[in-house]
Amino acid sequence: MERGRSFLTKLFRTDCYSAALQQLSVERCKDLGSEQRTRLAMLMTNCQLSVLGDVTFPCRLDMTLKQCNEGMSSRAFDLFGNIFANVDSICLFLLNQDFQRRTEQMLNALHGSAHEAEQALSSVFGGLSQAQARLGDIGGTLAGVDKRQKGLEATMGSNLASVRALEQKAAAMQGSLQSIAENEALLLERQSRALRSLADLDAQERVRAADSVSRWQAAEVREQAQREAAEAQRRAELAKHQQLLDNMRDIADHTDGLRWVLERVSGAQQRSEVAMALLLGRAWGAEDLAFYAAAAGTAWLSPAARAPVLAAAGAAWALERAQPWPRAAASALLRPARGFIAPLARVASPLPGLGEALGRLAAAVEAAQGAQEPGLQAGLLRGMAFKRGVRALAAALAAFALWRVPRAEAEALRRMEDRLHKQLAAAEEAIRADLRQQLLRQRLALVERLDTQKPLGARFALEAAATLGWAAGMHMLL
């Protein structure tokens, strides 16, 4: 019995818990107020922290609950919440254990008193036997004494009957104590099995927790690698974009110089309609080659915007090819009227018929040239304006593609990172919820295995063991 009691003391630290009950002068658990329940849970939390080897927090009777709460750590507060939820069961278990201990002490004292009374009566019986021997010798002289002795014997007989009844009651109490000891031994065995089950469950949960932590660390490593890859890709795209902008600036500078040269060439070409028709018609010049070379270089420097830039250049080429250019007439290619036909008509004027024919030819050539030159110039200017407008539109579309495509890719990368963060947060929450559900199911299964026909103290002890095991599991999870 003493060995079973020491085992219970070692298992539940009943010395610390009993001291907590004695400090609060708890006699009935149902009479506890809200403040007493809270203070009792805090004292038991300190007991459990001392069992686990953790740092306790200061909480004396002269301190307020707020002062006690300020010294709690997060782990101590979680353990306090679990113990506070089951403080009634733990209180009943401890009071029942203290009652059993006091009952056993009282029965032991009663048994000792009965044994002492039995020894005293035995000595009295010895004295009476000696007195009867002496009274037998005296006989008739002590008749009165004999009568008194008989009365004393009757009294002693009644006392002896009382002592025997007391011995029977002590034997019955001894049997009750024996049954209590057997029940306590059975309780210890069941508690040992429960503790072994809790240890197995604890080991399984540790393995699962380690697996979850390893999976979470692997997910973090993958996420870090993805973020680094995305960051490297973004930096590469930014570098390409910056290089493309520098190339565009260089192209723009070269284009300005080329435009200045072409303007000078165009000014020189405007002095000759025929040369302009030949150079600015459907033939390709330096400006055309520079424009399409710039488009090809831009498409090569920016892989992301390659398709839009090439599409804009192709559309510009198709529109330029579809634009109708004016053609110079035969009279515009020859200019003999002012330099040759008119002087020849003046020389041949004395000849009848020839001078008049040459004069009419010179007038017709001048009229044809005067009618053709304004239309040819206007058509060439319209064609050049159309070509420049088409190329300006193509350059604007290419610049917009170079500005928009890297931004769209960067936005897509950011959205992908956001989705990855959300998926990782959801996976972490699902793992934690799964672990909580497993701990709760195991605690419920342990409570369902309790034998409802056993004594109240045994049920309270198993419930307290299940509660402490569940608290330890939650502590490891947190």
Protein backbone atom coordinates (compact mmCIF):
# COMPACT_ATOMS: atom_id res chain seq x y z
CA MET A 1 0.00 0.00 0.00
CA GLU A 2 2.83 2.39 0.91
CA ARG A 3 4.55 1.47 -2.35
CA GLY A 4 1.37 2.27 -4.33
CA ARG A 5 1.00 5.58 -2.51
CA SER A 6 4.62 6.52 -3.28
CA PHE A 7 4.01 5.63 -6.95
CA LEU A 8 0.96 7.93 -7.06
CA THR A 9 2.98 10.66 -5.36
CA LYS A 10 5.77 10.31 -7.91
CA LEU A 11 3.33 10.17 -10.87
CA PHE A 12 1.04 13.11 -10.04
CA ARG A 13 3.29 15.07 -7.67
CA THR A 14 0.52 14.99 -5.08
CA ASP A 15 2.77 16.75 -2.58
CA CYS A 16 2.81 19.92 -4.74
CA TYR A 17 -0.88 19.64 -5.70
CA SER A 18 -1.93 18.90 -2.10
CA ALA A 19 0.10 21.87 -0.92
CA ALA A 20 -1.80 24.02 -3.45
CA LEU A 21 -5.14 22.81 -2.03
CA GLN A 22 -3.95 23.42 1.53
CA GLN A 23 -2.80 26.95 0.67
CA LEU A 24 -6.28 27.82 -0.61
CA SER A 25 -8.04 25.86 2.23
CA VAL A 26 -10.13 23.92 -0.30
CA GLU A 27 -12.66 21.52 1.30
CA ARG A 28 -15.32 21.19 -1.42
CA CYS A 29 -14.53 21.63 -5.11
CA LYS A 30 -18.03 22.78 -6.03
CA ASP A 31 -17.76 25.69 -3.57
CA LEU A 32 -14.74 27.17 -5.39
CA GLY A 33 -15.24 30.69 -6.72
CA SER A 34 -13.91 32.06 -9.99
CA GLU A 35 -10.86 33.64 -8.35
CA GLN A 36 -10.08 30.50 -6.31
CA ARG A 37 -10.39 28.31 -9.44
CA THR A 38 -8.03 30.60 -11.34
CA ARG A 39 -5.50 30.77 -8.50
CA LEU A 40 -5.68 26.98 -7.99
CA ALA A 41 -5.03 26.45 -11.73
CA MET A 42 -2.03 28.82 -11.55
CA LEU A 43 -0.54 26.94 -8.56
CA MET A 44 -1.05 23.60 -10.35
CA THR A 45 0.56 25.09 -13.49
CA ASN A 46 3.66 25.92 -11.43
CA CYS A 47 3.63 22.33 -10.11
CA GLN A 48 3.48 20.93 -13.65
CA LEU A 49 6.24 23.31 -14.87
CA SER A 50 8.48 22.17 -12.01
CA VAL A 51 7.78 18.54 -13.02
CA LEU A 52 8.76 19.29 -16.65
CA GLY A 53 11.90 21.13 -15.52
CA ASP A 54 10.74 24.50 -16.90
CA VAL A 55 10.97 27.91 -15.26
CA THR A 56 8.01 28.68 -12.96
CA PHE A 57 6.40 32.10 -12.57
CA PRO A 58 5.87 33.96 -9.24
CA CYS A 59 2.33 33.66 -7.86
CA ARG A 60 1.89 34.04 -4.09
CA LEU A 61 -1.32 34.43 -2.13
CA ASP A 62 -0.56 38.09 -1.45
CA MET A 63 -0.29 38.79 -5.21
CA THR A 64 -3.23 39.63 -7.46
CA LEU A 65 -4.21 37.52 -10.45
CA LYS A 66 -3.00 40.25 -12.77
CA GLN A 67 0.45 40.22 -11.15
CA CYS A 68 0.58 36.43 -11.46
CA ASN A 69 -0.47 36.61 -15.12
CA GLU A 70 2.24 39.17 -15.97
CA GLY A 71 4.99 36.71 -15.07
CA MET A 72 3.64 33.92 -17.33
CA SER A 73 5.43 32.86 -20.50
CA SER A 74 3.49 31.78 -23.59
CA ARG A 75 4.15 28.09 -22.84
CA ALA A 76 3.04 28.52 -19.20
CA PHE A 77 -0.13 30.30 -20.35
CA ASP A 78 -1.05 27.46 -22.74
CA LEU A 79 -0.49 24.90 -19.95
CA PHE A 80 -2.54 27.06 -17.56
CA GLY A 81 -5.44 27.09 -20.07
CA ASN A 82 -5.45 23.28 -20.30
CA ILE A 83 -5.30 22.82 -16.50
CA PHE A 84 -7.96 25.49 -15.90
CA ALA A 85 -10.34 23.64 -18.24
CA ASN A 86 -9.94 20.47 -16.09
CA VAL A 87 -9.39 22.02 -12.64
CA ASP A 88 -12.61 20.50 -11.23
CA SER A 89 -11.56 16.94 -12.12
CA ILE A 90 -8.06 17.43 -10.70
CA CYS A 91 -9.48 19.00 -7.50
CA LEU A 92 -11.88 16.09 -6.96
CA PHE A 93 -9.10 13.58 -7.54
CA LEU A 94 -6.80 15.26 -5.02
CA LEU A 95 -9.54 15.63 -2.38
CA ASN A 96 -10.48 11.97 -2.83
CA GLN A 97 -6.86 10.94 -2.44
CA ASP A 98 -6.46 13.06 0.71
CA PHE A 99 -9.70 11.55 2.09
CA GLN A 100 -8.42 8.03 1.47
CA ARG A 101 -5.14 8.88 3.16
CA ARG A 102 -6.86 10.36 6.25
CA THR A 103 -9.27 7.39 6.40
CA GLU A 104 -6.39 4.95 6.33
CA GLN A 105 -4.58 6.86 9.08
CA MET A 106 -7.73 6.90 11.23
CA LEU A 107 -8.28 3.15 10.75
CA ASN A 108 -4.66 2.45 11.64
CA ALA A 109 -5.03 4.55 14.81
CA LEU A 110 -8.29 2.76 15.67
CA HIS A 111 -6.65 -0.62 15.15
CA GLY A 112 -3.78 0.40 17.45
CA SER A 113 -6.22 1.57 20.14
CA ALA A 114 -8.11 -1.73 19.95
CA HIS A 115 -4.87 -3.68 20.29
CA GLU A 116 -3.88 -1.65 23.36
CA ALA A 117 -7.35 -2.19 24.90
CA GLU A 118 -7.01 -5.91 24.27
CA GLN A 119 -3.65 -6.01 26.06
CA ALA A 120 -5.08 -4.03 28.99
CA LEU A 121 -8.01 -6.47 29.28
CA SER A 122 -5.61 -9.40 29.16
CA SER A 123 -3.68 -7.97 32.09
CA VAL A 124 -6.96 -7.36 33.92
CA PHE A 125 -8.00 -10.98 33.31
CA GLY A 126 -4.68 -12.14 34.75
CA GLY A 127 -5.21 -10.06 37.86
CA LEU A 128 -8.76 -11.36 38.23
CA SER A 129 -7.56 -14.96 38.05
CA GLN A 130 -5.09 -14.33 40.82
CA ALA A 131 -7.73 -12.57 42.88
CA GLN A 132 -10.13 -15.48 42.39
CA ALA A 133 -7.42 -17.90 43.63
CA ARG A 134 -6.91 -15.86 46.77
CA LEU A 135 -10.67 -15.44 47.25
CA GLY A 136 -11.15 -19.20 46.89
CA ASP A 137 -8.78 -19.71 49.82
CA ILE A 138 -10.63 -17.23 51.94
CA GLY A 139 -14.04 -18.72 50.88
CA GLY A 140 -16.85 -17.97 53.19
CA THR A 141 -15.09 -15.24 55.11
CA LEU A 142 -15.20 -13.06 52.07
CA ALA A 143 -18.74 -13.75 50.84
CA GLY A 144 -19.43 -10.11 50.40
CA VAL A 145 -16.24 -9.73 48.54
CA ASP A 146 -17.26 -12.71 46.41
CA LYS A 147 -20.51 -11.04 45.53
CA ARG A 148 -18.70 -7.90 44.54
CA GLN A 149 -16.27 -10.00 42.57
CA LYS A 150 -19.13 -11.64 40.68
CA GLY A 151 -20.51 -8.25 39.87
CA LEU A 152 -17.06 -7.23 38.69
CA GLU A 153 -16.87 -10.38 36.57
CA ALA A 154 -20.22 -9.56 35.00
CA THR A 155 -18.96 -6.07 34.25
CA MET A 156 -15.76 -7.46 32.85
CA GLY A 157 -17.76 -9.88 30.72
CA SER A 158 -19.74 -7.06 29.21
CA ASN A 159 -16.50 -5.16 28.65
CA LEU A 160 -15.00 -8.24 27.05
CA ALA A 161 -18.02 -8.54 24.74
CA SER A 162 -17.56 -4.89 23.79
CA VAL A 163 -13.89 -5.49 23.12
CA ARG A 164 -14.69 -8.52 20.94
CA ALA A 165 -17.27 -6.49 19.01
CA LEU A 166 -14.63 -3.81 18.56
CA GLU A 167 -12.19 -6.46 17.33
CA GLN A 168 -14.80 -7.67 14.82
CA LYS A 169 -15.27 -4.11 13.57
CA ALA A 170 -11.50 -3.69 13.32
CA ALA A 171 -11.31 -6.95 11.33
CA ALA A 172 -14.07 -5.67 9.02
CA MET A 173 -12.18 -2.39 8.58
CA GLN A 174 -9.03 -4.37 7.88
CA GLY A 175 -10.91 -6.25 5.14
CA SER A 176 -12.11 -2.93 3.71
CA LEU A 177 -8.54 -1.63 3.76
CA GLN A 178 -7.40 -4.81 2.01
CA SER A 179 -10.03 -4.32 -0.72
CA ILE A 180 -8.99 -0.67 -1.04
CA ALA A 181 -5.36 -1.78 -1.39
CA GLU A 182 -6.36 -4.29 -4.09
CA ASN A 183 -8.34 -1.59 -5.93
CA GLU A 184 -5.37 0.74 -5.70
CA ALA A 185 -3.10 -1.98 -7.11
CA LEU A 186 -5.56 -2.50 -9.99
CA LEU A 187 -5.67 1.27 -10.48
CA LEU A 188 -1.88 1.41 -10.59
CA GLU A 189 -1.79 -1.33 -13.20
CA ARG A 190 -4.34 0.46 -15.37
CA GLN A 191 -2.50 3.73 -14.95
CA SER A 192 0.71 2.02 -16.01
CA ARG A 193 -1.01 0.72 -19.16
CA ALA A 194 -2.44 4.19 -19.82
CA LEU A 195 0.99 5.74 -19.38
CA ARG A 196 2.53 3.23 -21.78
CA SER A 197 -0.22 4.06 -24.33
CA LEU A 198 0.45 7.75 -23.84
CA ALA A 199 4.18 7.17 -24.32
CA ASP A 200 3.53 5.26 -27.57
CA LEU A 201 1.19 8.00 -28.79
CA ASP A 202 3.74 10.61 -27.81
CA ALA A 203 6.46 8.82 -29.82
CA GLN A 204 4.15 8.55 -32.84
CA GLU A 205 3.27 12.23 -32.62
CA ARG A 206 6.95 13.14 -32.34
CA VAL A 207 7.68 11.15 -35.51
CA ARG A 208 4.77 12.80 -37.32
CA ALA A 209 5.80 16.23 -36.09
CA ALA A 210 9.38 15.63 -37.28
CA ASP A 211 8.05 14.49 -40.66
CA SER A 212 5.85 17.58 -40.91
CA VAL A 213 8.76 19.83 -39.96
CA SER A 214 10.99 18.20 -42.59
CA ARG A 215 8.30 18.60 -45.26
CA TRP A 216 7.78 22.20 -44.24
CA GLN A 217 11.55 22.86 -44.41
CA ALA A 218 11.71 21.25 -47.86
CA ALA A 219 8.80 23.44 -48.99
CA GLU A 220 10.59 26.51 -47.65
CA VAL A 221 13.76 25.52 -49.52
CA ARG A 222 11.78 25.07 -52.75
CA GLU A 223 10.03 28.37 -52.23
CA GLN A 224 13.36 30.12 -51.59
CA ALA A 225 14.81 28.58 -54.76
CA GLN A 226 11.77 29.67 -56.77
CA ARG A 227 12.01 33.18 -55.35
CA GLU A 228 15.71 33.34 -56.17
CA ALA A 229 15.07 32.07 -59.71
CA ALA A 230 12.26 34.60 -60.18
CA GLU A 231 14.47 37.38 -58.81
CA ALA A 232 17.33 36.35 -61.12
CA GLN A 233 14.97 36.25 -64.11
CA ARG A 234 13.55 39.65 -63.17
CA ARG A 235 17.04 41.11 -62.88
CA ALA A 236 18.01 39.62 -66.23
CA GLU A 237 14.88 41.08 -67.83
CA LEU A 238 15.60 44.47 -66.26
CA ALA A 239 19.19 44.32 -67.53
CA LYS A 240 17.94 43.42 -71.02
CA HIS A 241 15.37 46.19 -70.85
CA GLN A 242 18.03 48.71 -69.78
CA GLN A 243 20.33 47.52 -72.56
CA LEU A 244 17.46 47.80 -75.03
CA LEU A 245 16.75 51.35 -73.85
CA ASP A 246 20.42 52.23 -74.31
CA ASN A 247 20.34 50.71 -77.79
CA MET A 248 17.17 52.63 -78.58
CA ARG A 249 18.85 55.84 -77.44
CA ASP A 250 21.85 55.06 -79.67
CA ILE A 251 19.51 54.25 -82.55
CA ALA A 252 17.61 57.47 -81.93
CA ASP A 253 20.86 59.45 -81.96
CA HIS A 254 21.96 57.75 -85.20
CA THR A 255 18.47 58.24 -86.61
CA ASP A 256 18.62 61.98 -85.90
CA GLY A 257 21.94 62.20 -87.73
CA LEU A 258 20.60 60.06 -90.55
CA ARG A 259 17.46 62.21 -90.75
CA TRP A 260 19.63 65.33 -91.04
CA VAL A 261 21.60 63.74 -93.88
CA LEU A 262 18.39 62.55 -95.58
CA GLU A 263 16.87 65.99 -95.27
CA ARG A 264 19.92 67.42 -96.99
CA VAL A 265 19.68 64.72 -99.67
CA SER A 266 15.93 65.36 -100.01
CA GLY A 267 16.61 69.07 -100.42
CA ALA A 268 19.08 68.26 -103.15
CA GLN A 269 16.59 65.83 -104.74
CA GLN A 270 13.80 68.41 -104.76
CA ARG A 271 15.85 70.47 -107.21
CA SER A 272 15.39 67.74 -109.77
CA GLU A 273 11.91 66.08 -110.16
CA VAL A 274 13.27 63.27 -112.26
CA ALA A 275 16.03 62.39 -109.71
CA MET A 276 13.44 62.47 -106.88
CA ALA A 277 11.14 60.19 -108.86
CA LEU A 278 13.97 57.74 -109.41
CA LEU A 279 15.38 57.83 -105.82
CA LEU A 280 12.19 58.23 -103.70
CA GLY A 281 9.82 56.05 -105.67
CA ARG A 282 9.77 52.33 -105.04
CA ALA A 283 13.54 52.08 -104.74
CA TRP A 284 15.15 51.54 -101.29
CA GLY A 285 17.49 54.10 -99.84
CA ALA A 286 19.70 54.60 -96.77
CA GLU A 287 16.73 55.64 -94.58
CA ASP A 288 14.84 52.42 -95.43
CA LEU A 289 17.86 50.26 -94.64
CA ALA A 290 18.50 52.12 -91.35
CA PHE A 291 14.85 51.76 -90.26
CA TYR A 292 14.61 48.02 -90.90
CA ALA A 293 18.11 47.40 -89.48
CA ALA A 294 17.04 49.20 -86.28
CA ALA A 295 13.85 47.08 -86.12
CA ALA A 296 15.85 43.85 -86.55
CA GLY A 297 18.41 44.87 -83.89
CA THR A 298 15.67 45.82 -81.41
CA ALA A 299 13.90 42.48 -81.96
CA TRP A 300 17.18 40.61 -81.41
CA LEU A 301 17.97 42.50 -78.16
CA SER A 302 14.53 41.94 -76.57
CA PRO A 303 13.34 38.31 -76.88
CA ALA A 304 10.16 39.08 -74.94
CA ALA A 305 9.07 41.88 -77.33
CA ARG A 306 10.48 40.26 -80.48
CA ALA A 307 7.13 39.23 -81.95
CA PRO A 308 5.42 42.68 -81.53
CA VAL A 309 8.46 44.56 -82.96
CA LEU A 310 8.73 42.26 -86.00
CA ALA A 311 4.96 42.51 -86.55
CA ALA A 312 5.13 46.33 -86.52
CA ALA A 313 8.08 46.32 -88.98
CA GLY A 314 6.29 43.86 -91.29
CA ALA A 315 3.10 45.95 -91.25
CA ALA A 316 5.12 49.09 -92.11
CA TRP A 317 6.80 47.27 -95.01
CA ALA A 318 3.44 46.01 -96.36
CA LEU A 319 1.85 49.48 -96.18
CA GLU A 320 4.86 51.08 -97.92
CA ARG A 321 4.70 48.50 -100.68
CA ALA A 322 0.96 49.13 -101.10
CA GLN A 323 1.43 52.96 -101.39
CA PRO A 324 1.19 54.11 -105.11
CA TRP A 325 4.15 56.34 -106.16
CA PRO A 326 3.91 58.84 -109.09
CA ARG A 327 5.94 58.14 -112.23
CA ALA A 328 7.70 60.83 -114.28
CA ALA A 329 6.51 61.26 -117.85
CA ALA A 330 8.82 61.15 -120.84
CA SER A 331 8.74 64.91 -121.13
CA ALA A 332 10.07 65.25 -117.62
CA LEU A 333 13.09 63.14 -118.46
CA LEU A 334 14.00 65.41 -121.36
CA ARG A 335 14.37 69.17 -121.14
CA PRO A 336 15.14 70.35 -124.77
CA ALA A 337 12.43 73.00 -124.97
CA ARG A 338 14.21 75.95 -123.45
CA GLY A 339 17.72 74.91 -124.38
CA PHE A 340 17.26 73.42 -127.88
CA ILE A 341 13.77 73.51 -129.49
CA ALA A 342 13.09 77.24 -129.02
CA PRO A 343 16.45 78.40 -130.52
CA LEU A 344 16.01 75.90 -133.35
CA ALA A 345 12.55 77.33 -134.10
CA ARG A 346 14.00 80.85 -134.18
CA VAL A 347 16.73 79.76 -136.61
CA ALA A 348 14.23 77.91 -138.87
CA SER A 349 11.64 80.69 -138.83
CA PRO A 350 12.61 81.95 -142.33
CA LEU A 351 11.85 78.54 -143.77
CA PRO A 352 8.19 78.12 -144.66
CA GLY A 353 6.38 75.47 -142.52
CA LEU A 354 9.46 74.23 -140.56
CA GLY A 355 9.74 77.22 -138.24
CA GLU A 356 6.03 77.10 -137.44
CA ALA A 357 6.19 73.35 -136.65
CA LEU A 358 9.21 73.78 -134.36
CA GLY A 359 7.46 76.68 -132.57
CA ARG A 360 4.33 74.57 -131.93
CA LEU A 361 6.52 71.69 -130.61
CA ALA A 362 8.37 74.00 -128.18
CA ALA A 363 5.07 75.41 -126.87
CA ALA A 364 3.63 71.89 -126.37
CA VAL A 365 6.74 70.69 -124.45
CA GLU A 366 6.67 73.73 -122.13
CA ALA A 367 2.95 73.24 -121.51
CA ALA A 368 3.47 69.54 -120.71
CA GLN A 369 6.33 70.29 -118.32
CA GLY A 370 4.37 73.05 -116.57
CA ALA A 371 1.39 70.70 -116.10
CA GLN A 372 3.45 67.69 -114.90
CA GLU A 373 5.93 69.25 -112.46
CA PRO A 374 3.41 70.38 -109.72
CA GLY A 375 1.59 67.01 -109.77
CA LEU A 376 4.85 65.05 -109.57
CA GLN A 377 6.13 67.10 -106.64
CA ALA A 378 2.84 66.83 -104.75
CA GLY A 379 2.71 63.04 -105.29
CA LEU A 380 6.28 62.59 -104.10
CA LEU A 381 5.65 64.70 -100.99
CA ARG A 382 2.50 62.72 -100.20
CA GLY A 383 4.37 59.43 -100.58
CA MET A 384 7.18 60.59 -98.30
CA ALA A 385 4.70 61.85 -95.70
CA PHE A 386 2.80 58.53 -95.80
CA LYS A 387 6.04 56.51 -95.45
CA ARG A 388 7.21 58.63 -92.50
CA GLY A 389 3.81 58.38 -90.82
CA VAL A 390 3.77 54.59 -91.21
CA ARG A 391 7.30 54.29 -89.81
CA ALA A 392 6.53 56.64 -86.91
CA LEU A 393 3.47 54.53 -86.05
CA ALA A 394 5.54 51.32 -86.26
CA ALA A 395 8.25 52.84 -84.03
CA ALA A 396 5.61 53.94 -81.48
CA LEU A 397 4.10 50.43 -81.42
CA ALA A 398 7.55 48.86 -80.99
CA ALA A 399 8.41 51.27 -78.14
CA PHE A 400 5.07 50.50 -76.44
CA ALA A 401 5.77 46.75 -76.76
CA LEU A 402 9.26 47.22 -75.30
CA TRP A 403 7.77 49.14 -72.37
CA ARG A 404 4.73 46.95 -71.75
CA VAL A 405 5.96 43.36 -72.26
CA PRO A 406 8.65 43.37 -69.47
CA ARG A 407 6.17 44.97 -67.08
CA ALA A 408 3.55 42.33 -67.89
CA GLU A 409 6.09 39.55 -67.30
CA ALA A 410 7.16 41.13 -63.98
CA GLU A 411 3.50 41.37 -62.91
CA ALA A 412 2.96 37.71 -63.83
CA LEU A 413 5.99 36.74 -61.72
CA ARG A 414 4.63 38.69 -58.73
CA ARG A 415 1.23 37.00 -59.08
CA MET A 416 2.95 33.61 -59.20
CA GLU A 417 4.87 34.44 -55.99
CA ASP A 418 1.62 35.49 -54.27
CA ARG A 419 -0.02 32.20 -55.27
CA LEU A 420 2.95 30.23 -53.93
CA HIS A 421 2.82 32.10 -50.60
CA LYS A 422 -0.92 31.41 -50.27
CA GLN A 423 -0.49 27.72 -51.10
CA LEU A 424 2.30 27.35 -48.52
CA ALA A 425 0.23 29.12 -45.82
CA ALA A 426 -2.76 26.86 -46.59
CA ALA A 427 -0.54 23.75 -46.40
CA GLU A 428 0.90 24.85 -43.03
CA GLU A 429 -2.58 25.51 -41.60
CA ALA A 430 -3.84 22.13 -42.89
CA ILE A 431 -0.90 20.32 -41.23
CA ARG A 432 -1.52 22.06 -37.91
CA ALA A 433 -5.28 21.36 -38.06
CA ASP A 434 -4.57 17.70 -38.84
CA LEU A 435 -2.24 17.40 -35.84
CA ARG A 436 -4.80 19.03 -33.53
CA GLN A 437 -7.55 16.67 -34.72
CA GLN A 438 -5.31 13.64 -34.20
CA LEU A 439 -4.47 14.70 -30.63
CA LEU A 440 -8.15 15.31 -29.86
CA ARG A 441 -9.21 11.94 -31.31
CA GLN A 442 -6.54 10.14 -29.28
CA ARG A 443 -7.63 11.87 -26.08
CA LEU A 444 -11.29 10.99 -26.73
CA ALA A 445 -10.35 7.37 -27.44
CA LEU A 446 -8.42 7.21 -24.16
CA VAL A 447 -11.35 8.65 -22.22
CA GLU A 448 -13.79 6.16 -23.83
CA ARG A 449 -11.62 3.26 -22.61
CA LEU A 450 -12.16 4.27 -18.99
CA ASP A 451 -14.21 1.80 -16.95
CA THR A 452 -17.26 3.68 -15.65
CA GLN A 453 -17.88 0.93 -13.02
CA LYS A 454 -14.62 1.63 -11.16
CA PRO A 455 -14.33 3.87 -8.07
CA LEU A 456 -14.58 7.61 -8.45
CA GLY A 457 -10.94 8.15 -7.50
CA ALA A 458 -9.75 5.76 -10.26
CA ARG A 459 -11.81 7.58 -12.90
CA PHE A 460 -10.51 10.93 -11.73
CA ALA A 461 -6.93 9.63 -11.77
CA LEU A 462 -7.26 8.34 -15.37
CA GLU A 463 -8.95 11.56 -16.49
CA ALA A 464 -6.15 13.57 -14.90
CA ALA A 465 -3.55 11.37 -16.66
CA ALA A 466 -5.34 11.83 -20.01
CA THR A 467 -5.53 15.59 -19.44
CA LEU A 468 -1.82 15.85 -18.60
CA GLY A 469 -0.90 13.72 -21.65
CA TRP A 470 -3.08 15.89 -23.90
CA ALA A 471 -1.48 19.02 -22.44
CA ALA A 472 2.00 17.65 -23.10
CA GLY A 473 1.03 16.85 -26.72
CA MET A 474 -0.37 20.33 -27.27
CA HIS A 475 2.77 21.79 -25.73
CA MET A 476 4.97 19.87 -28.18
CA LEU A 477 2.74 20.91 -31.07
CA LEU A 478 2.97 24.57 -30.12
